[in-house]
Amino acid sequence: MENYFIYIWLSIMVLSITTLFILGKSALKMFDHLDLSHVVHSEKSASGYTSKSSISRRAGASRVLHIIITDRELVFKTNAFFAYPAKRHDLLQIIPLNRLIDTEVIQGGLLSKLSVKFLGPGGEKKEVVLISKRNSTVKEILDKHVLKNLQAM
């Protein structure tokens, strides 16, 4: 039995990685219709978490979050290996810019955090906190749309 341990361990690892990849590809199908022809800002390797629950606050994405801002949408996505856990923690999002409520810079440790509050599909208030090298740029772009949304109300 000791001679087969490495084969059993490798089989379990390959099965786990394959399952995670397949579930991740399935989670990323929500981005298939995304029109990226009018990208205003794009940034890879950001971090973030949602305030959905205490678990999602602790289990965020660390340097694997891709932030995309188009002329109509704010998009949070990641690669296939991390997509399934990101979806479970509400980090895969396509947010129409007209659903933005507020952005706020939260000063913290080494990098500042950017809180983005928006209305979900059911009208519920949601929040994603981003940790990025270019939070000020993202805030500047998003604030233009927040101001328009407040004036429309």
Protein backbone atom coordinates (compact mmCIF):
# COMPACT_ATOMS: atom_id res chain seq x y z
CA MET A 1 0.00 0.00 0.00
CA GLU A 2 2.88 2.39 0.76
CA ASN A 3 4.10 1.99 -2.81
CA TYR A 4 0.78 3.29 -4.14
CA PHE A 5 0.50 6.34 -1.88
CA ILE A 6 2.07 8.72 -4.40
CA TYR A 7 -0.22 7.47 -7.18
CA ILE A 8 -3.31 7.86 -5.02
CA TRP A 9 -2.21 11.33 -3.92
CA LEU A 10 -1.48 12.42 -7.51
CA SER A 11 -4.84 11.06 -8.68
CA ILE A 12 -6.69 13.01 -6.00
CA MET A 13 -4.78 16.22 -6.84
CA VAL A 14 -5.41 15.89 -10.58
CA LEU A 15 -9.09 15.21 -9.92
CA SER A 16 -9.34 18.21 -7.58
CA ILE A 17 -7.63 20.60 -9.98
CA THR A 18 -9.70 19.36 -12.92
CA THR A 19 -12.93 19.77 -10.95
CA LEU A 20 -11.97 23.29 -9.86
CA PHE A 21 -11.13 24.22 -13.47
CA ILE A 22 -14.41 22.82 -14.85
CA LEU A 23 -16.49 24.56 -12.16
CA GLY A 24 -14.55 27.77 -12.79
CA LYS A 25 -15.17 27.66 -16.55
CA SER A 26 -18.85 27.17 -15.81
CA ALA A 27 -18.87 30.17 -13.45
CA LEU A 28 -17.20 32.35 -16.10
CA LYS A 29 -19.98 31.71 -18.64
CA MET A 30 -21.75 34.78 -17.26
CA PHE A 31 -19.10 36.90 -19.02
CA ASP A 32 -19.58 35.35 -22.49
CA HIS A 33 -21.86 38.15 -23.72
CA LEU A 34 -19.64 40.91 -22.34
CA ASP A 35 -18.79 43.64 -24.85
CA LEU A 36 -15.21 44.75 -24.21
CA SER A 37 -14.95 47.07 -27.20
CA HIS A 38 -15.35 50.20 -25.04
CA VAL A 39 -13.01 49.54 -22.11
CA VAL A 40 -12.27 52.68 -20.10
CA HIS A 41 -10.05 51.02 -17.48
CA SER A 42 -8.69 47.53 -16.97
CA GLU A 43 -6.55 46.24 -14.15
CA LYS A 44 -5.39 42.74 -13.34
CA SER A 45 -3.96 41.43 -10.08
CA ALA A 46 -6.18 43.41 -7.74
CA SER A 47 -7.54 42.07 -4.47
CA GLY A 48 -10.96 42.38 -2.95
CA TYR A 49 -13.81 41.00 -0.91
CA THR A 50 -17.53 41.52 -0.44
CA SER A 51 -19.45 42.46 2.68
CA LYS A 52 -22.03 39.75 1.96
CA SER A 53 -21.16 37.83 5.14
CA SER A 54 -18.40 37.54 7.71
CA ILE A 55 -16.98 34.59 5.78
CA SER A 56 -16.84 36.52 2.49
CA ARG A 57 -15.06 39.41 4.25
CA ARG A 58 -12.25 37.06 5.25
CA ALA A 59 -12.24 34.89 2.10
CA GLY A 60 -11.65 37.38 -0.66
CA ALA A 61 -9.51 37.33 -3.76
CA SER A 62 -5.85 38.11 -3.32
CA ARG A 63 -4.13 39.52 -6.43
CA VAL A 64 -6.28 37.50 -8.84
CA LEU A 65 -9.18 39.91 -9.36
CA HIS A 66 -9.56 41.55 -12.77
CA ILE A 67 -11.33 44.93 -12.69
CA ILE A 68 -12.80 46.11 -15.99
CA ILE A 69 -14.69 49.36 -16.46
CA THR A 70 -16.46 49.85 -19.78
CA ASP A 71 -18.62 52.76 -20.82
CA ARG A 72 -21.66 50.91 -19.38
CA GLU A 73 -20.48 48.35 -16.82
CA LEU A 74 -18.14 47.63 -13.95
CA VAL A 75 -16.90 44.04 -14.10
CA PHE A 76 -15.13 41.92 -11.50
CA LYS A 77 -13.81 38.60 -12.75
CA THR A 78 -10.90 36.24 -12.28
CA ASN A 79 -9.28 33.31 -14.05
CA ALA A 80 -10.83 29.84 -14.32
CA PHE A 81 -9.00 28.31 -11.35
CA PHE A 82 -10.31 30.92 -8.91
CA ALA A 83 -13.69 31.62 -10.52
CA TYR A 84 -15.73 29.05 -8.62
CA PRO A 85 -14.66 30.22 -5.14
CA ALA A 86 -15.01 33.85 -6.28
CA LYS A 87 -18.58 33.17 -7.42
CA ARG A 88 -19.43 31.54 -4.09
CA HIS A 89 -18.19 34.68 -2.30
CA ASP A 90 -20.08 37.03 -4.66
CA LEU A 91 -16.94 38.43 -6.30
CA LEU A 92 -17.90 37.70 -9.91
CA GLN A 93 -20.00 40.70 -10.86
CA ILE A 94 -21.26 42.61 -13.86
CA ILE A 95 -22.58 45.88 -12.47
CA PRO A 96 -24.32 48.38 -14.74
CA LEU A 97 -22.82 51.81 -13.98
CA ASN A 98 -26.30 53.24 -13.45
CA ARG A 99 -26.64 50.93 -10.37
CA LEU A 100 -23.69 52.50 -8.51
CA ILE A 101 -24.60 54.16 -5.22
CA ASP A 102 -21.33 55.30 -3.65
CA THR A 103 -17.57 54.91 -3.65
CA GLU A 104 -15.40 55.59 -0.62
CA VAL A 105 -11.68 55.33 0.04
CA ILE A 106 -10.93 53.54 3.30
CA GLN A 107 -7.44 54.17 4.60
CA GLY A 108 -5.81 51.05 5.89
CA GLY A 109 -2.46 49.34 6.34
CA LEU A 110 -0.14 49.31 3.36
CA LEU A 111 -2.67 50.03 0.60
CA SER A 112 -5.90 51.95 0.74
CA LYS A 113 -9.19 50.18 0.12
CA LEU A 114 -11.97 51.33 -2.17
CA SER A 115 -15.51 50.53 -1.13
CA VAL A 116 -17.91 50.32 -4.07
CA LYS A 117 -21.60 50.24 -3.13
CA PHE A 118 -24.23 49.35 -5.70
CA LEU A 119 -27.71 47.94 -6.16
CA GLY A 120 -27.89 44.24 -6.99
CA PRO A 121 -30.27 42.71 -9.55
CA GLY A 122 -33.04 42.44 -6.94
CA GLY A 123 -32.58 46.01 -5.70
CA GLU A 124 -30.60 44.95 -2.63
CA LYS A 125 -27.60 47.02 -1.55
CA LYS A 126 -24.24 45.32 -2.07
CA GLU A 127 -20.65 46.28 -1.44
CA VAL A 128 -17.32 45.18 -2.88
CA VAL A 129 -14.10 46.39 -1.27
CA LEU A 130 -11.14 46.63 -3.66
CA ILE A 131 -7.48 46.70 -2.78
CA SER A 132 -5.57 47.92 -5.78
CA LYS A 133 -2.55 49.98 -6.74
CA ARG A 134 -4.82 52.27 -8.75
CA ASN A 135 -7.77 52.79 -6.42
CA SER A 136 -7.72 56.55 -7.01
CA THR A 137 -8.09 56.06 -10.77
CA VAL A 138 -10.95 53.58 -10.33
CA LYS A 139 -12.69 55.92 -7.86
CA GLU A 140 -12.31 58.90 -10.19
CA ILE A 141 -13.91 57.00 -13.08
CA LEU A 142 -16.74 55.54 -10.98
CA ASP A 143 -17.53 58.81 -9.20
CA LYS A 144 -18.59 60.37 -12.51
CA HIS A 145 -21.34 57.75 -12.75
CA VAL A 146 -22.28 57.91 -9.06
CA LEU A 147 -22.84 61.66 -9.42
CA LYS A 148 -25.05 61.12 -12.49
CA ASN A 149 -27.07 58.47 -10.62
CA LEU A 150 -27.61 60.77 -7.63
CA GLN A 151 -28.73 63.62 -9.88
CA ALA A 152 -31.20 61.31 -11.65
CA MET A 153 -32.85 60.33 -8.34
